[in-house]
Amino acid sequence: QVQLVESGGGLVQPGGALRLSCAASGSIFSINAMGWYRQAPGKQRELVAHITSGGRPTLADFVKGRFSISRDSAKNTVYLQMNSLKPEDTAVYYCAITIPTLQTYWGQGTQVTVSS
């Protein structure tokens, strides 16, 4: 059993910042990629950012310069720092991890709402 627990979502004004965390636990011996996705109402889930086991990050174009991703491999935790938030960033944010067997696990999602 693998569990992902996300935290850090909430309501923030435009231009504000939030930091999401996702901690993985359970039968995990190693993790390849860790990532964040989001899904807004009526839209498909989309990749926001991911980071490899070696720490190399990839960010979607629509968050470059505003968001950053990092991981603490010792804690099996991935972070998403979100700055200069816009109303269009409003979505449920999901973390995901991929293990060496290429199986992917998902968190339950955390709501981020950007509104004045």
N, C-alpha and C. Protein backbone atom coordinates (compact mmCIF):
# COMPACT_ATOMS: atom_id res chain seq x y z
N GLN A 1 0.84 -1.18 0.00
CA GLN A 1 0.00 0.00 0.00
C GLN A 1 0.88 1.25 0.00
N VAL A 2 0.53 2.15 -0.88
CA VAL A 2 1.23 3.44 -0.96
C VAL A 2 0.20 4.54 -0.75
N GLN A 3 0.54 5.48 0.09
CA GLN A 3 -0.35 6.60 0.33
C GLN A 3 0.37 7.90 0.06
N LEU A 4 -0.36 8.83 -0.54
CA LEU A 4 0.15 10.17 -0.78
C LEU A 4 -0.77 11.14 -0.05
N VAL A 5 -0.19 11.97 0.78
CA VAL A 5 -0.97 12.93 1.54
C VAL A 5 -0.54 14.33 1.16
N GLU A 6 -1.47 15.08 0.59
CA GLU A 6 -1.19 16.44 0.14
C GLU A 6 -1.66 17.44 1.19
N SER A 7 -1.01 18.57 1.22
CA SER A 7 -1.42 19.65 2.11
C SER A 7 -0.97 20.98 1.51
N GLY A 8 -1.55 22.05 2.04
CA GLY A 8 -1.11 23.39 1.65
C GLY A 8 -2.05 24.14 0.74
N GLY A 9 -3.11 23.51 0.30
CA GLY A 9 -4.06 24.23 -0.55
C GLY A 9 -4.87 25.23 0.25
N GLY A 10 -5.68 26.01 -0.47
CA GLY A 10 -6.52 26.98 0.21
C GLY A 10 -6.93 28.10 -0.70
N LEU A 11 -7.44 29.15 -0.08
CA LEU A 11 -7.90 30.35 -0.79
C LEU A 11 -6.83 31.43 -0.67
N VAL A 12 -6.49 32.02 -1.79
CA VAL A 12 -5.48 33.08 -1.81
C VAL A 12 -5.90 34.14 -2.82
N GLN A 13 -5.49 35.36 -2.56
CA GLN A 13 -5.81 36.45 -3.49
C GLN A 13 -4.88 36.43 -4.69
N PRO A 14 -5.31 36.98 -5.80
CA PRO A 14 -4.41 37.07 -6.96
C PRO A 14 -3.11 37.75 -6.59
N GLY A 15 -2.01 37.20 -7.09
CA GLY A 15 -0.70 37.71 -6.74
C GLY A 15 -0.09 37.06 -5.52
N GLY A 16 -0.88 36.28 -4.81
CA GLY A 16 -0.40 35.64 -3.60
C GLY A 16 0.38 34.37 -3.87
N ALA A 17 0.72 33.68 -2.79
CA ALA A 17 1.55 32.49 -2.90
C ALA A 17 1.02 31.38 -2.01
N LEU A 18 1.27 30.17 -2.43
CA LEU A 18 0.97 28.98 -1.63
C LEU A 18 2.08 27.96 -1.86
N ARG A 19 2.26 27.11 -0.88
CA ARG A 19 3.21 26.01 -1.02
C ARG A 19 2.49 24.70 -0.74
N LEU A 20 2.47 23.84 -1.74
CA LEU A 20 1.87 22.53 -1.58
C LEU A 20 2.93 21.51 -1.21
N SER A 21 2.52 20.57 -0.38
CA SER A 21 3.41 19.47 0.00
C SER A 21 2.70 18.15 -0.26
N CYS A 22 3.47 17.15 -0.56
CA CYS A 22 2.91 15.81 -0.77
C CYS A 22 3.91 14.81 -0.22
N ALA A 23 3.47 14.08 0.79
CA ALA A 23 4.33 13.09 1.43
C ALA A 23 3.85 11.68 1.07
N ALA A 24 4.77 10.88 0.59
CA ALA A 24 4.46 9.50 0.23
C ALA A 24 4.89 8.56 1.35
N SER A 25 4.06 7.57 1.61
CA SER A 25 4.39 6.59 2.64
C SER A 25 3.88 5.23 2.22
N GLY A 26 4.34 4.21 2.94
CA GLY A 26 3.91 2.86 2.62
C GLY A 26 5.05 2.03 2.07
N SER A 27 4.68 1.08 1.23
CA SER A 27 5.67 0.14 0.69
C SER A 27 6.42 0.77 -0.49
N ILE A 28 7.27 1.71 -0.14
CA ILE A 28 8.05 2.41 -1.16
C ILE A 28 9.52 2.16 -0.91
N PHE A 29 10.19 1.59 -1.88
CA PHE A 29 11.63 1.38 -1.74
C PHE A 29 12.40 2.47 -2.47
N SER A 30 11.85 2.96 -3.54
CA SER A 30 12.44 4.09 -4.22
C SER A 30 11.37 4.73 -5.11
N ILE A 31 11.61 5.98 -5.45
CA ILE A 31 10.68 6.75 -6.27
C ILE A 31 11.43 7.31 -7.46
N ASN A 32 10.87 7.16 -8.62
CA ASN A 32 11.45 7.79 -9.79
C ASN A 32 10.97 9.24 -9.84
N ALA A 33 10.04 9.54 -10.67
CA ALA A 33 9.57 10.91 -10.81
C ALA A 33 8.48 11.22 -9.78
N MET A 34 8.42 12.48 -9.39
CA MET A 34 7.35 13.00 -8.55
C MET A 34 6.80 14.21 -9.28
N GLY A 35 5.50 14.39 -9.21
CA GLY A 35 4.94 15.49 -9.98
C GLY A 35 3.65 16.04 -9.42
N TRP A 36 3.27 17.16 -9.99
CA TRP A 36 2.01 17.82 -9.65
C TRP A 36 1.19 18.01 -10.92
N TYR A 37 -0.09 17.71 -10.81
CA TYR A 37 -1.05 17.91 -11.88
C TYR A 37 -2.18 18.77 -11.32
N ARG A 38 -2.98 19.30 -12.22
CA ARG A 38 -4.14 20.04 -11.75
C ARG A 38 -5.31 19.81 -12.69
N GLN A 39 -6.48 19.99 -12.12
CA GLN A 39 -7.70 19.83 -12.92
C GLN A 39 -8.69 20.90 -12.49
N ALA A 40 -9.02 21.76 -13.43
CA ALA A 40 -10.02 22.79 -13.20
C ALA A 40 -11.39 22.25 -13.63
N PRO A 41 -12.47 22.82 -13.10
CA PRO A 41 -13.82 22.35 -13.46
C PRO A 41 -14.04 22.38 -14.97
N GLY A 42 -14.49 21.27 -15.51
CA GLY A 42 -14.78 21.19 -16.92
C GLY A 42 -13.58 21.02 -17.82
N LYS A 43 -12.41 20.86 -17.22
CA LYS A 43 -11.19 20.72 -18.01
C LYS A 43 -10.49 19.39 -17.69
N GLN A 44 -9.61 19.01 -18.59
CA GLN A 44 -8.84 17.79 -18.36
C GLN A 44 -7.71 18.05 -17.37
N ARG A 45 -7.29 16.98 -16.74
CA ARG A 45 -6.15 17.08 -15.84
C ARG A 45 -4.90 17.37 -16.67
N GLU A 46 -4.07 18.27 -16.17
CA GLU A 46 -2.87 18.66 -16.90
C GLU A 46 -1.65 18.66 -15.99
N LEU A 47 -0.52 18.39 -16.60
CA LEU A 47 0.73 18.38 -15.85
C LEU A 47 1.16 19.80 -15.54
N VAL A 48 1.52 20.03 -14.29
CA VAL A 48 2.01 21.34 -13.87
C VAL A 48 3.54 21.31 -13.79
N ALA A 49 4.05 20.30 -13.11
CA ALA A 49 5.51 20.19 -12.94
C ALA A 49 5.85 18.78 -12.50
N HIS A 50 7.05 18.35 -12.85
CA HIS A 50 7.53 17.10 -12.29
C HIS A 50 9.04 17.20 -12.09
N ILE A 51 9.55 16.29 -11.29
CA ILE A 51 10.96 16.32 -10.95
C ILE A 51 11.47 14.88 -10.90
N THR A 52 12.62 14.67 -11.50
CA THR A 52 13.17 13.31 -11.59
C THR A 52 13.85 12.91 -10.28
N SER A 53 14.24 11.67 -10.21
CA SER A 53 14.94 11.18 -9.02
C SER A 53 16.27 11.92 -8.85
N GLY A 54 16.81 12.42 -9.94
CA GLY A 54 18.06 13.17 -9.86
C GLY A 54 17.87 14.65 -9.56
N GLY A 55 16.61 15.06 -9.42
CA GLY A 55 16.33 16.44 -9.06
C GLY A 55 16.14 17.40 -10.23
N ARG A 56 16.02 16.85 -11.42
CA ARG A 56 15.82 17.73 -12.57
C ARG A 56 14.34 18.07 -12.72
N PRO A 57 14.03 19.36 -12.68
CA PRO A 57 12.62 19.78 -12.76
C PRO A 57 12.18 20.09 -14.19
N THR A 58 10.90 19.90 -14.42
CA THR A 58 10.27 20.33 -15.66
C THR A 58 8.99 21.03 -15.29
N LEU A 59 8.80 22.21 -15.86
CA LEU A 59 7.61 23.01 -15.55
C LEU A 59 6.81 23.25 -16.82
N ALA A 60 5.50 23.23 -16.69
CA ALA A 60 4.64 23.59 -17.82
C ALA A 60 4.86 25.06 -18.15
N ASP A 61 4.71 25.38 -19.41
CA ASP A 61 4.95 26.76 -19.84
C ASP A 61 4.09 27.76 -19.08
N PHE A 62 2.86 27.37 -18.75
CA PHE A 62 1.95 28.34 -18.14
C PHE A 62 2.31 28.65 -16.68
N VAL A 63 3.30 27.95 -16.10
CA VAL A 63 3.71 28.27 -14.73
C VAL A 63 5.18 28.66 -14.63
N LYS A 64 5.88 28.60 -15.74
CA LYS A 64 7.30 28.97 -15.70
C LYS A 64 7.48 30.40 -15.22
N GLY A 65 8.44 30.57 -14.33
CA GLY A 65 8.69 31.89 -13.78
C GLY A 65 7.84 32.21 -12.55
N ARG A 66 6.85 31.36 -12.27
CA ARG A 66 5.97 31.60 -11.11
C ARG A 66 6.01 30.43 -10.12
N PHE A 67 6.06 29.23 -10.63
CA PHE A 67 6.05 28.03 -9.78
C PHE A 67 7.42 27.38 -9.78
N SER A 68 7.70 26.65 -8.73
CA SER A 68 8.90 25.82 -8.70
C SER A 68 8.57 24.51 -7.98
N ILE A 69 9.29 23.47 -8.34
CA ILE A 69 9.08 22.17 -7.74
C ILE A 69 10.38 21.70 -7.12
N SER A 70 10.28 21.04 -5.99
CA SER A 70 11.45 20.49 -5.33
C SER A 70 11.05 19.20 -4.61
N ARG A 71 12.03 18.44 -4.21
CA ARG A 71 11.73 17.19 -3.50
C ARG A 71 12.77 16.97 -2.42
N ASP A 72 12.32 16.28 -1.38
CA ASP A 72 13.19 15.82 -0.33
C ASP A 72 13.12 14.30 -0.37
N SER A 73 14.07 13.68 -1.03
CA SER A 73 14.00 12.25 -1.25
C SER A 73 14.09 11.46 0.06
N ALA A 74 14.78 12.01 1.03
CA ALA A 74 14.88 11.31 2.33
C ALA A 74 13.52 11.22 3.01
N LYS A 75 12.65 12.18 2.71
CA LYS A 75 11.33 12.22 3.31
C LYS A 75 10.23 11.78 2.34
N ASN A 76 10.63 11.37 1.14
CA ASN A 76 9.64 10.99 0.12
C ASN A 76 8.58 12.07 -0.06
N THR A 77 9.04 13.30 -0.10
CA THR A 77 8.13 14.45 -0.15
C THR A 77 8.47 15.34 -1.34
N VAL A 78 7.42 15.81 -1.99
CA VAL A 78 7.58 16.75 -3.10
C VAL A 78 6.81 18.02 -2.77
N TYR A 79 7.37 19.14 -3.19
CA TYR A 79 6.79 20.45 -2.89
C TYR A 79 6.51 21.19 -4.20
N LEU A 80 5.49 22.04 -4.14
CA LEU A 80 5.21 22.94 -5.25
C LEU A 80 5.04 24.34 -4.67
N GLN A 81 6.01 25.18 -4.95
CA GLN A 81 5.93 26.58 -4.53
C GLN A 81 5.25 27.37 -5.63
N MET A 82 4.15 27.99 -5.30
CA MET A 82 3.36 28.72 -6.28
C MET A 82 3.34 30.19 -5.91
N ASN A 83 3.93 31.01 -6.74
CA ASN A 83 3.97 32.46 -6.54
C ASN A 83 3.18 33.16 -7.63
N SER A 84 2.88 34.41 -7.40
CA SER A 84 2.16 35.23 -8.39
C SER A 84 0.94 34.49 -8.94
N LEU A 85 0.15 33.97 -8.04
CA LEU A 85 -0.99 33.16 -8.45
C LEU A 85 -2.03 34.01 -9.18
N LYS A 86 -2.67 33.36 -10.15
CA LYS A 86 -3.69 33.99 -10.97
C LYS A 86 -5.02 33.25 -10.79
N PRO A 87 -6.12 33.90 -11.07
CA PRO A 87 -7.41 33.20 -10.97
C PRO A 87 -7.46 31.93 -11.82
N GLU A 88 -6.78 31.94 -12.94
CA GLU A 88 -6.79 30.75 -13.80
C GLU A 88 -5.98 29.60 -13.24
N ASP A 89 -5.28 29.82 -12.13
CA ASP A 89 -4.59 28.72 -11.45
C ASP A 89 -5.54 27.94 -10.53
N THR A 90 -6.75 28.43 -10.40
CA THR A 90 -7.73 27.74 -9.57
C THR A 90 -8.01 26.36 -10.10
N ALA A 91 -7.84 25.35 -9.24
CA ALA A 91 -8.00 23.95 -9.66
C ALA A 91 -7.79 23.06 -8.45
N VAL A 92 -8.10 21.80 -8.63
CA VAL A 92 -7.67 20.79 -7.67
C VAL A 92 -6.29 20.32 -8.11
N TYR A 93 -5.36 20.36 -7.20
CA TYR A 93 -3.99 19.96 -7.49
C TYR A 93 -3.73 18.57 -6.92
N TYR A 94 -3.18 17.72 -7.76
CA TYR A 94 -2.90 16.33 -7.39
C TYR A 94 -1.40 16.07 -7.49
N CYS A 95 -0.88 15.36 -6.53
CA CYS A 95 0.49 14.91 -6.69
C CYS A 95 0.48 13.47 -7.17
N ALA A 96 1.56 13.08 -7.79
CA ALA A 96 1.70 11.73 -8.32
C ALA A 96 3.16 11.31 -8.22
N ILE A 97 3.36 10.04 -7.97
CA ILE A 97 4.72 9.50 -7.97
C ILE A 97 4.76 8.28 -8.87
N THR A 98 5.90 8.05 -9.45
CA THR A 98 6.11 6.85 -10.27
C THR A 98 7.28 6.08 -9.67
N ILE A 99 7.05 4.80 -9.45
CA ILE A 99 8.10 3.97 -8.84
C ILE A 99 8.81 3.17 -9.93
N PRO A 100 9.90 2.50 -9.60
CA PRO A 100 10.68 1.81 -10.65
C PRO A 100 9.91 0.80 -11.49
N THR A 101 8.82 0.24 -10.97
CA THR A 101 8.01 -0.67 -11.78
C THR A 101 7.14 0.09 -12.78
N LEU A 102 7.24 1.41 -12.78
CA LEU A 102 6.49 2.33 -13.64
C LEU A 102 5.04 2.48 -13.21
N GLN A 103 4.71 1.93 -12.05
CA GLN A 103 3.38 2.17 -11.52
C GLN A 103 3.29 3.58 -10.96
N THR A 104 2.14 4.22 -11.17
CA THR A 104 1.92 5.59 -10.70
C THR A 104 0.86 5.61 -9.62
N TYR A 105 1.14 6.36 -8.58
CA TYR A 105 0.19 6.54 -7.49
C TYR A 105 -0.20 8.00 -7.42
N TRP A 106 -1.46 8.23 -7.02
CA TRP A 106 -2.02 9.58 -6.99
C TRP A 106 -2.47 9.95 -5.58
N GLY A 107 -2.33 11.24 -5.28
CA GLY A 107 -2.90 11.75 -4.06
C GLY A 107 -4.38 12.04 -4.24
N GLN A 108 -5.01 12.47 -3.15
CA GLN A 108 -6.46 12.69 -3.17
C GLN A 108 -6.82 14.05 -3.73
N GLY A 109 -5.85 14.93 -3.86
CA GLY A 109 -6.10 16.26 -4.40
C GLY A 109 -6.29 17.29 -3.31
N THR A 110 -5.86 18.49 -3.60
CA THR A 110 -6.06 19.61 -2.69
C THR A 110 -6.52 20.82 -3.49
N GLN A 111 -7.53 21.49 -2.99
CA GLN A 111 -8.13 22.61 -3.73
C GLN A 111 -7.30 23.88 -3.56
N VAL A 112 -7.04 24.51 -4.67
CA VAL A 112 -6.41 25.84 -4.68
C VAL A 112 -7.38 26.79 -5.37
N THR A 113 -7.75 27.84 -4.66
CA THR A 113 -8.67 28.83 -5.20
C THR A 113 -8.00 30.19 -5.15
N VAL A 114 -7.92 30.84 -6.28
CA VAL A 114 -7.31 32.16 -6.38
C VAL A 114 -8.43 33.14 -6.72
N SER A 115 -8.75 33.97 -5.75
CA SER A 115 -9.88 34.88 -5.93
C SER A 115 -9.75 36.05 -4.97
N SER A 116 -10.25 37.19 -5.42
CA SER A 116 -10.27 38.36 -4.55
C SER A 116 -11.60 38.44 -3.82
